[in-house]
Amino acid sequence: MKSALSLALIVCLVGSTMPLAAQERLIEPTSGPIARAAKREAARLALASQADAADANWSRVRKLAPGTAITLTIRSAPAARRYLVSADESGIAVLNVADPTLPPAVRRVLLDTASNHSDYFAGAQNGGRFLLDNDVSLVLDGVFVAGQKVADLGLVVEKTARTDVVEVRGESARHPAAWGALIGAAIGAGVEGVSIGAGCGSDGCYGNLLMALFAGIGAGAGAGIGAAIGASRHKTEDNVIYRAP
């Protein structure tokens, strides 16, 4: 009798543990080697997707023309206005002419060089010597005017690794108000041209006076319209060229 009871008890205990063992077998794959490998692959694919998106955006920076005005934000400094010198897979080189001690004439020469001869900066960093105009020269030691150093080359040309770039924003080449003023002045001059014939008589012509009057009125109105359009565009358009993921 005791043997029968013992056997029945063993059967009950074994039966009660079987669902738990089966449940453990079902749960085990989610924390086993296969599950961990799947998680690693998913993370790798997510990072690869982010890298591809970042590469696509960075390619837009590389396509910018030398001398383009940009607003550059890097990890170690606030956003600042700079001018593109060059950009490649590893980073970006920009021209900094914000130093107030830099003579205006030198600033203009450097900006022209960035737009038309950006390779001069890399050449100077490699030991070359470049005469930018009759007085301004560019060498490894810096920028010189008539033999006098006015700036260090490392301060004028800033190089930043791509991994340290937070954001690159583009800037408009001309303010909308300026375009409005030019268009308005042209319209004003056109109106004057139509009416100039009526302004001539036996006592002569007063077309020049009308031209100045209509051009001034047109320029003022055009500037106002251009500024209003520019303000609305500033609110709606996003000119971000690159933003770090």
C-alpha atoms as a PDB file:
ATOM      1  CA  MET A   1       0.000   0.000   0.000  1.00  0.00           C
ATOM      2  CA  LYS A   2       2.816   2.355   0.927  1.00  0.00           C
ATOM      3  CA  SER A   3       4.592   1.530  -2.315  1.00  0.00           C
ATOM      4  CA  ALA A   4       1.501   2.411  -4.324  1.00  0.00           C
ATOM      5  CA  LEU A   5       1.142   5.755  -2.512  1.00  0.00           C
ATOM      6  CA  SER A   6       4.815   6.590  -3.059  1.00  0.00           C
ATOM      7  CA  LEU A   7       4.525   5.831  -6.762  1.00  0.00           C
ATOM      8  CA  ALA A   8       1.434   7.999  -7.095  1.00  0.00           C
ATOM      9  CA  LEU A   9       3.194  10.883  -5.294  1.00  0.00           C
ATOM     10  CA  ILE A  10       6.202  10.666  -7.607  1.00  0.00           C
ATOM     11  CA  VAL A  11       3.967  10.714 -10.681  1.00  0.00           C
ATOM     12  CA  CYS A  12       2.145  13.808  -9.386  1.00  0.00           C
ATOM     13  CA  LEU A  13       5.391  15.662  -8.674  1.00  0.00           C
ATOM     14  CA  VAL A  14       6.842  14.848 -12.065  1.00  0.00           C
ATOM     15  CA  GLY A  15       3.654  15.894 -13.830  1.00  0.00           C
ATOM     16  CA  SER A  16       3.513  19.227 -11.963  1.00  0.00           C
ATOM     17  CA  THR A  17       7.027  20.164 -13.046  1.00  0.00           C
ATOM     18  CA  MET A  18       6.560  19.376 -16.733  1.00  0.00           C
ATOM     19  CA  PRO A  19       4.607  22.576 -17.639  1.00  0.00           C
ATOM     20  CA  LEU A  20       7.232  24.666 -15.848  1.00  0.00           C
ATOM     21  CA  ALA A  21      10.044  22.964 -17.730  1.00  0.00           C
ATOM     22  CA  ALA A  22       8.185  23.432 -20.990  1.00  0.00           C
ATOM     23  CA  GLN A  23       7.682  27.141 -20.164  1.00  0.00           C
ATOM     24  CA  GLU A  24      11.360  27.521 -19.424  1.00  0.00           C
ATOM     25  CA  ARG A  25      12.184  25.934 -22.771  1.00  0.00           C
ATOM     26  CA  LEU A  26       9.884  28.472 -24.471  1.00  0.00           C
ATOM     27  CA  ILE A  27      11.426  31.435 -22.664  1.00  0.00           C
ATOM     28  CA  GLU A  28      15.018  30.324 -23.043  1.00  0.00           C
ATOM     29  CA  PRO A  29      15.420  31.262 -26.742  1.00  0.00           C
ATOM     30  CA  THR A  30      14.695  34.960 -26.004  1.00  0.00           C
ATOM     31  CA  SER A  31      17.767  35.193 -23.818  1.00  0.00           C
ATOM     32  CA  GLY A  32      19.941  32.595 -25.495  1.00  0.00           C
ATOM     33  CA  PRO A  33      22.765  32.950 -28.045  1.00  0.00           C
ATOM     34  CA  ILE A  34      20.404  33.226 -31.014  1.00  0.00           C
ATOM     35  CA  ALA A  35      18.387  36.002 -29.373  1.00  0.00           C
ATOM     36  CA  ARG A  36      21.529  37.926 -28.423  1.00  0.00           C
ATOM     37  CA  ALA A  37      22.869  37.598 -31.958  1.00  0.00           C
ATOM     38  CA  ALA A  38      19.574  38.893 -33.372  1.00  0.00           C
ATOM     39  CA  LYS A  39      19.684  41.902 -31.069  1.00  0.00           C
ATOM     40  CA  ARG A  40      23.257  42.686 -32.084  1.00  0.00           C
ATOM     41  CA  GLU A  41      22.354  42.473 -35.767  1.00  0.00           C
ATOM     42  CA  ALA A  42      19.343  44.756 -35.295  1.00  0.00           C
ATOM     43  CA  ALA A  43      21.526  47.312 -33.512  1.00  0.00           C
ATOM     44  CA  ARG A  44      24.153  47.067 -36.257  1.00  0.00           C
ATOM     45  CA  LEU A  45      21.562  47.653 -38.971  1.00  0.00           C
ATOM     46  CA  ALA A  46      20.166  50.662 -37.111  1.00  0.00           C
ATOM     47  CA  LEU A  47      23.632  52.205 -36.801  1.00  0.00           C
ATOM     48  CA  ALA A  48      24.367  51.474 -40.450  1.00  0.00           C
ATOM     49  CA  SER A  49      21.150  53.223 -41.460  1.00  0.00           C
ATOM     50  CA  GLN A  50      22.076  56.285 -39.408  1.00  0.00           C
ATOM     51  CA  ALA A  51      25.569  56.317 -40.911  1.00  0.00           C
ATOM     52  CA  ASP A  52      24.163  56.135 -44.446  1.00  0.00           C
ATOM     53  CA  ALA A  53      21.847  59.078 -43.737  1.00  0.00           C
ATOM     54  CA  ALA A  54      24.731  61.067 -42.246  1.00  0.00           C
ATOM     55  CA  ASP A  55      26.917  60.305 -45.285  1.00  0.00           C
ATOM     56  CA  ALA A  56      24.170  61.496 -47.619  1.00  0.00           C
ATOM     57  CA  ASN A  57      23.842  64.776 -45.725  1.00  0.00           C
ATOM     58  CA  TRP A  58      27.597  65.271 -45.505  1.00  0.00           C
ATOM     59  CA  SER A  59      27.855  64.857 -49.269  1.00  0.00           C
ATOM     60  CA  ARG A  60      25.810  68.073 -49.536  1.00  0.00           C
ATOM     61  CA  VAL A  61      28.533  69.882 -47.608  1.00  0.00           C
ATOM     62  CA  ARG A  62      31.176  68.510 -49.952  1.00  0.00           C
ATOM     63  CA  LYS A  63      29.223  69.811 -52.950  1.00  0.00           C
ATOM     64  CA  LEU A  64      29.254  73.417 -51.710  1.00  0.00           C
ATOM     65  CA  ALA A  65      31.355  75.795 -53.780  1.00  0.00           C
ATOM     66  CA  PRO A  66      34.510  77.172 -52.136  1.00  0.00           C
ATOM     67  CA  GLY A  67      33.865  80.581 -50.640  1.00  0.00           C
ATOM     68  CA  THR A  68      30.249  79.766 -49.765  1.00  0.00           C
ATOM     69  CA  ALA A  69      29.119  81.532 -46.593  1.00  0.00           C
ATOM     70  CA  ILE A  70      27.949  79.061 -43.947  1.00  0.00           C
ATOM     71  CA  THR A  71      27.059  79.006 -40.277  1.00  0.00           C
ATOM     72  CA  LEU A  72      29.162  76.305 -38.658  1.00  0.00           C
ATOM     73  CA  THR A  73      28.478  74.742 -35.270  1.00  0.00           C
ATOM     74  CA  ILE A  74      31.105  72.462 -33.747  1.00  0.00           C
ATOM     75  CA  ARG A  75      31.165  70.635 -30.436  1.00  0.00           C
ATOM     76  CA  SER A  76      33.675  72.909 -28.749  1.00  0.00           C
ATOM     77  CA  ALA A  77      32.278  76.302 -29.833  1.00  0.00           C
ATOM     78  CA  PRO A  78      29.005  78.122 -30.586  1.00  0.00           C
ATOM     79  CA  ALA A  79      27.679  78.692 -34.085  1.00  0.00           C
ATOM     80  CA  ALA A  80      29.798  81.090 -36.134  1.00  0.00           C
ATOM     81  CA  ARG A  81      29.805  82.518 -39.642  1.00  0.00           C
ATOM     82  CA  ARG A  82      32.533  81.047 -41.805  1.00  0.00           C
ATOM     83  CA  TYR A  83      33.422  80.590 -45.484  1.00  0.00           C
ATOM     84  CA  LEU A  84      34.033  77.170 -46.964  1.00  0.00           C
ATOM     85  CA  VAL A  85      37.556  76.390 -48.102  1.00  0.00           C
ATOM     86  CA  SER A  86      37.235  72.633 -48.609  1.00  0.00           C
ATOM     87  CA  ALA A  87      35.431  69.557 -47.298  1.00  0.00           C
ATOM     88  CA  ASP A  88      36.146  65.852 -47.639  1.00  0.00           C
ATOM     89  CA  GLU A  89      35.254  62.601 -45.908  1.00  0.00           C
ATOM     90  CA  SER A  90      37.426  63.402 -42.889  1.00  0.00           C
ATOM     91  CA  GLY A  91      36.350  66.963 -42.148  1.00  0.00           C
ATOM     92  CA  ILE A  92      35.973  70.575 -43.196  1.00  0.00           C
ATOM     93  CA  ALA A  93      38.269  73.585 -43.594  1.00  0.00           C
ATOM     94  CA  VAL A  94      36.778  77.064 -43.327  1.00  0.00           C
ATOM     95  CA  LEU A  95      37.971  80.660 -43.561  1.00  0.00           C
ATOM     96  CA  ASN A  96      37.597  82.830 -40.466  1.00  0.00           C
ATOM     97  CA  VAL A  97      37.828  86.562 -41.153  1.00  0.00           C
ATOM     98  CA  ALA A  98      35.918  87.678 -38.056  1.00  0.00           C
ATOM     99  CA  ASP A  99      38.999  88.993 -36.239  1.00  0.00           C
ATOM    100  CA  PRO A 100      38.422  92.766 -35.907  1.00  0.00           C
ATOM    101  CA  THR A 101      42.180  93.404 -36.119  1.00  0.00           C
ATOM    102  CA  LEU A 102      42.274  91.971 -39.635  1.00  0.00           C
ATOM    103  CA  PRO A 103      42.516  94.872 -42.115  1.00  0.00           C
ATOM    104  CA  PRO A 104      39.420  95.162 -44.347  1.00  0.00           C
ATOM    105  CA  ALA A 105      41.538  95.034 -47.508  1.00  0.00           C
ATOM    106  CA  VAL A 106      43.128  91.772 -46.351  1.00  0.00           C
ATOM    107  CA  ARG A 107      39.717  90.370 -45.495  1.00  0.00           C
ATOM    108  CA  ARG A 108      38.498  91.048 -49.028  1.00  0.00           C
ATOM    109  CA  VAL A 109      41.603  89.441 -50.542  1.00  0.00           C
ATOM    110  CA  LEU A 110      41.190  86.323 -48.389  1.00  0.00           C
ATOM    111  CA  LEU A 111      37.511  85.999 -49.299  1.00  0.00           C
ATOM    112  CA  ASP A 112      38.361  86.296 -52.982  1.00  0.00           C
ATOM    113  CA  THR A 113      41.068  83.667 -52.562  1.00  0.00           C
ATOM    114  CA  ALA A 114      38.627  81.290 -50.850  1.00  0.00           C
ATOM    115  CA  SER A 115      36.229  81.606 -53.793  1.00  0.00           C
ATOM    116  CA  ASN A 116      38.711  81.448 -56.648  1.00  0.00           C
ATOM    117  CA  HIS A 117      41.902  79.835 -55.347  1.00  0.00           C
ATOM    118  CA  SER A 118      40.931  77.803 -52.291  1.00  0.00           C
ATOM    119  CA  ASP A 119      43.822  75.420 -52.940  1.00  0.00           C
ATOM    120  CA  TYR A 120      46.258  78.189 -51.962  1.00  0.00           C
ATOM    121  CA  PHE A 121      45.411  77.671 -48.294  1.00  0.00           C
ATOM    122  CA  ALA A 122      46.292  73.976 -48.357  1.00  0.00           C
ATOM    123  CA  GLY A 123      49.406  74.818 -50.361  1.00  0.00           C
ATOM    124  CA  ALA A 124      50.513  77.357 -47.765  1.00  0.00           C
ATOM    125  CA  GLN A 125      49.928  74.841 -44.969  1.00  0.00           C
ATOM    126  CA  ASN A 126      52.250  72.476 -46.847  1.00  0.00           C
ATOM    127  CA  GLY A 127      55.001  75.086 -47.017  1.00  0.00           C
ATOM    128  CA  GLY A 128      54.105  76.955 -50.201  1.00  0.00           C
ATOM    129  CA  ARG A 129      54.206  80.709 -50.665  1.00  0.00           C
ATOM    130  CA  PHE A 130      51.453  82.578 -52.500  1.00  0.00           C
ATOM    131  CA  LEU A 131      51.276  86.238 -53.437  1.00  0.00           C
ATOM    132  CA  LEU A 132      47.597  87.137 -53.281  1.00  0.00           C
ATOM    133  CA  ASP A 133      48.060  90.696 -54.527  1.00  0.00           C
ATOM    134  CA  ASN A 134      50.825  93.286 -54.597  1.00  0.00           C
ATOM    135  CA  ASP A 135      51.111  93.427 -50.796  1.00  0.00           C
ATOM    136  CA  VAL A 136      49.303  90.405 -49.303  1.00  0.00           C
ATOM    137  CA  SER A 137      51.092  87.063 -49.164  1.00  0.00           C
ATOM    138  CA  LEU A 138      50.116  83.709 -47.721  1.00  0.00           C
ATOM    139  CA  VAL A 139      52.712  81.353 -46.204  1.00  0.00           C
ATOM    140  CA  LEU A 140      52.924  78.687 -43.533  1.00  0.00           C
ATOM    141  CA  ASP A 141      53.746  81.280 -40.870  1.00  0.00           C
ATOM    142  CA  GLY A 142      50.611  83.290 -41.617  1.00  0.00           C
ATOM    143  CA  VAL A 143      49.195  86.175 -43.638  1.00  0.00           C
ATOM    144  CA  PHE A 144      51.584  89.036 -44.355  1.00  0.00           C
ATOM    145  CA  VAL A 145      51.037  92.561 -45.663  1.00  0.00           C
ATOM    146  CA  ALA A 146      54.124  94.253 -47.056  1.00  0.00           C
ATOM    147  CA  GLY A 147      56.264  91.867 -45.052  1.00  0.00           C
ATOM    148  CA  GLN A 148      54.378  92.433 -41.791  1.00  0.00           C
ATOM    149  CA  LYS A 149      52.449  89.545 -40.260  1.00  0.00           C
ATOM    150  CA  VAL A 150      48.764  90.347 -39.656  1.00  0.00           C
ATOM    151  CA  ALA A 151      47.356  86.883 -38.792  1.00  0.00           C
ATOM    152  CA  ASP A 152      48.370  83.305 -38.071  1.00  0.00           C
ATOM    153  CA  LEU A 153      47.411  80.899 -40.815  1.00  0.00           C
ATOM    154  CA  GLY A 154      45.994  78.458 -38.243  1.00  0.00           C
ATOM    155  CA  LEU A 155      43.611  81.141 -36.972  1.00  0.00           C
ATOM    156  CA  VAL A 156      42.481  82.230 -40.429  1.00  0.00           C
ATOM    157  CA  VAL A 157      41.955  78.705 -41.770  1.00  0.00           C
ATOM    158  CA  GLU A 158      40.147  76.477 -39.263  1.00  0.00           C
ATOM    159  CA  LYS A 159      40.126  72.717 -39.795  1.00  0.00           C
ATOM    160  CA  THR A 160      37.550  70.575 -38.002  1.00  0.00           C
ATOM    161  CA  ALA A 161      37.127  66.810 -38.036  1.00  0.00           C
ATOM    162  CA  ARG A 162      33.782  65.637 -39.341  1.00  0.00           C
ATOM    163  CA  THR A 163      33.053  63.892 -36.040  1.00  0.00           C
ATOM    164  CA  ASP A 164      33.221  67.286 -34.278  1.00  0.00           C
ATOM    165  CA  VAL A 165      30.811  69.032 -36.651  1.00  0.00           C
ATOM    166  CA  VAL A 166      27.359  69.462 -35.138  1.00  0.00           C
ATOM    167  CA  GLU A 167      25.618  71.449 -37.873  1.00  0.00           C
ATOM    168  CA  VAL A 168      26.221  73.295 -41.120  1.00  0.00           C
ATOM    169  CA  ARG A 169      23.724  75.885 -42.319  1.00  0.00           C
ATOM    170  CA  GLY A 170      23.703  77.729 -45.618  1.00  0.00           C
ATOM    171  CA  GLU A 171      23.239  81.461 -46.055  1.00  0.00           C
ATOM    172  CA  SER A 172      21.600  83.509 -48.788  1.00  0.00           C
ATOM    173  CA  ALA A 173      23.989  85.240 -51.134  1.00  0.00           C
ATOM    174  CA  ARG A 174      21.909  88.440 -51.100  1.00  0.00           C
ATOM    175  CA  HIS A 175      19.258  89.612 -48.661  1.00  0.00           C
ATOM    176  CA  PRO A 176      15.706  89.638 -50.129  1.00  0.00           C
ATOM    177  CA  ALA A 177      15.404  93.325 -49.247  1.00  0.00           C
ATOM    178  CA  ALA A 178      18.394  94.091 -51.460  1.00  0.00           C
ATOM    179  CA  TRP A 179      16.862  92.161 -54.351  1.00  0.00           C
ATOM    180  CA  GLY A 180      13.572  94.010 -53.766  1.00  0.00           C
ATOM    181  CA  ALA A 181      15.350  97.343 -53.839  1.00  0.00           C
ATOM    182  CA  LEU A 182      17.074  96.516 -57.137  1.00  0.00           C
ATOM    183  CA  ILE A 183      13.848  95.292 -58.732  1.00  0.00           C
ATOM    184  CA  GLY A 184      11.931  98.287 -57.407  1.00  0.00           C
ATOM    185  CA  ALA A 185      14.525 100.696 -58.748  1.00  0.00           C
ATOM    186  CA  ALA A 186      14.389  98.999 -62.153  1.00  0.00           C
ATOM    187  CA  ILE A 187      10.590  99.272 -62.224  1.00  0.00           C
ATOM    188  CA  GLY A 188      10.809 102.899 -61.220  1.00  0.00           C
ATOM    189  CA  ALA A 189      13.288 103.581 -64.000  1.00  0.00           C
ATOM    190  CA  GLY A 190      11.004 101.769 -66.457  1.00  0.00           C
ATOM    191  CA  VAL A 191       8.052 103.915 -65.472  1.00  0.00           C
ATOM    192  CA  GLU A 192      10.226 106.957 -65.990  1.00  0.00           C
ATOM    193  CA  GLY A 193      11.240 105.676 -69.425  1.00  0.00           C
ATOM    194  CA  VAL A 194       7.612 105.500 -70.489  1.00  0.00           C
ATOM    195  CA  SER A 195       6.876 108.973 -69.278  1.00  0.00           C
ATOM    196  CA  ILE A 196      10.080 110.645 -70.428  1.00  0.00           C
ATOM    197  CA  GLY A 197       8.614 111.564 -73.763  1.00  0.00           C
ATOM    198  CA  ALA A 198       5.795 113.432 -72.110  1.00  0.00           C
ATOM    199  CA  GLY A 199       8.315 115.307 -69.976  1.00  0.00           C
ATOM    200  CA  CYS A 200      10.081 116.945 -72.899  1.00  0.00           C
ATOM    201  CA  GLY A 201       8.970 120.243 -74.318  1.00  0.00           C
ATOM    202  CA  SER A 202      10.282 123.445 -75.761  1.00  0.00           C
ATOM    203  CA  ASP A 203      11.970 124.195 -72.455  1.00  0.00           C
ATOM    204  CA  GLY A 204      13.851 120.869 -72.416  1.00  0.00           C
ATOM    205  CA  CYS A 205      13.382 117.502 -70.630  1.00  0.00           C
ATOM    206  CA  TYR A 206      12.976 116.739 -66.971  1.00  0.00           C
ATOM    207  CA  GLY A 207      13.484 112.971 -67.460  1.00  0.00           C
ATOM    208  CA  ASN A 208      16.507 112.805 -65.159  1.00  0.00           C
ATOM    209  CA  LEU A 209      14.491 114.213 -62.299  1.00  0.00           C
ATOM    210  CA  LEU A 210      11.677 111.741 -62.924  1.00  0.00           C
ATOM    211  CA  MET A 211      14.155 108.849 -63.101  1.00  0.00           C
ATOM    212  CA  ALA A 212      15.615 109.689 -59.724  1.00  0.00           C
ATOM    213  CA  LEU A 213      12.150 110.145 -58.227  1.00  0.00           C
ATOM    214  CA  PHE A 214      10.625 106.924 -59.539  1.00  0.00           C
ATOM    215  CA  ALA A 215      13.767 104.894 -58.918  1.00  0.00           C
ATOM    216  CA  GLY A 216      13.912 106.083 -55.313  1.00  0.00           C
ATOM    217  CA  ILE A 217      10.251 105.310 -54.705  1.00  0.00           C
ATOM    218  CA  GLY A 218      10.556 101.933 -56.409  1.00  0.00           C
ATOM    219  CA  ALA A 219      13.681 101.025 -54.468  1.00  0.00           C
ATOM    220  CA  GLY A 220      12.054 101.874 -51.150  1.00  0.00           C
ATOM    221  CA  ALA A 221       8.907  99.912 -51.919  1.00  0.00           C
ATOM    222  CA  GLY A 222      10.885  96.992 -53.303  1.00  0.00           C
ATOM    223  CA  ALA A 223      13.095  96.853 -50.224  1.00  0.00           C
ATOM    224  CA  GLY A 224      10.034  96.758 -47.979  1.00  0.00           C
ATOM    225  CA  ILE A 225       8.427  93.980 -49.994  1.00  0.00           C
ATOM    226  CA  GLY A 226      11.684  92.061 -50.138  1.00  0.00           C
ATOM    227  CA  ALA A 227      12.163  92.315 -46.386  1.00  0.00           C
ATOM    228  CA  ALA A 228       8.634  91.050 -45.773  1.00  0.00           C
ATOM    229  CA  ILE A 229       9.168  88.114 -48.128  1.00  0.00           C
ATOM    230  CA  GLY A 230      12.503  87.376 -46.509  1.00  0.00           C
ATOM    231  CA  ALA A 231      10.967  87.364 -43.042  1.00  0.00           C
ATOM    232  CA  SER A 232       8.274  84.909 -44.100  1.00  0.00           C
ATOM    233  CA  ARG A 233      10.805  82.638 -45.775  1.00  0.00           C
ATOM    234  CA  HIS A 234      13.044  82.752 -42.724  1.00  0.00           C
ATOM    235  CA  LYS A 235      10.204  81.297 -40.716  1.00  0.00           C
ATOM    236  CA  THR A 236       9.222  78.580 -43.165  1.00  0.00           C
ATOM    237  CA  GLU A 237      12.421  77.468 -44.929  1.00  0.00           C
ATOM    238  CA  ASP A 238      14.990  75.195 -43.292  1.00  0.00           C
ATOM    239  CA  ASN A 239      18.468  75.825 -44.683  1.00  0.00           C
ATOM    240  CA  VAL A 240      20.213  73.111 -42.702  1.00  0.00           C
ATOM    241  CA  ILE A 241      22.759  71.444 -44.978  1.00  0.00           C
ATOM    242  CA  TYR A 242      24.107  68.960 -42.458  1.00  0.00           C
ATOM    243  CA  ARG A 243      23.209  67.959 -38.925  1.00  0.00           C
ATOM    244  CA  ALA A 244      25.074  65.291 -36.971  1.00  0.00           C
ATOM    245  CA  PRO A 245      22.926  62.228 -36.168  1.00  0.00           C
END
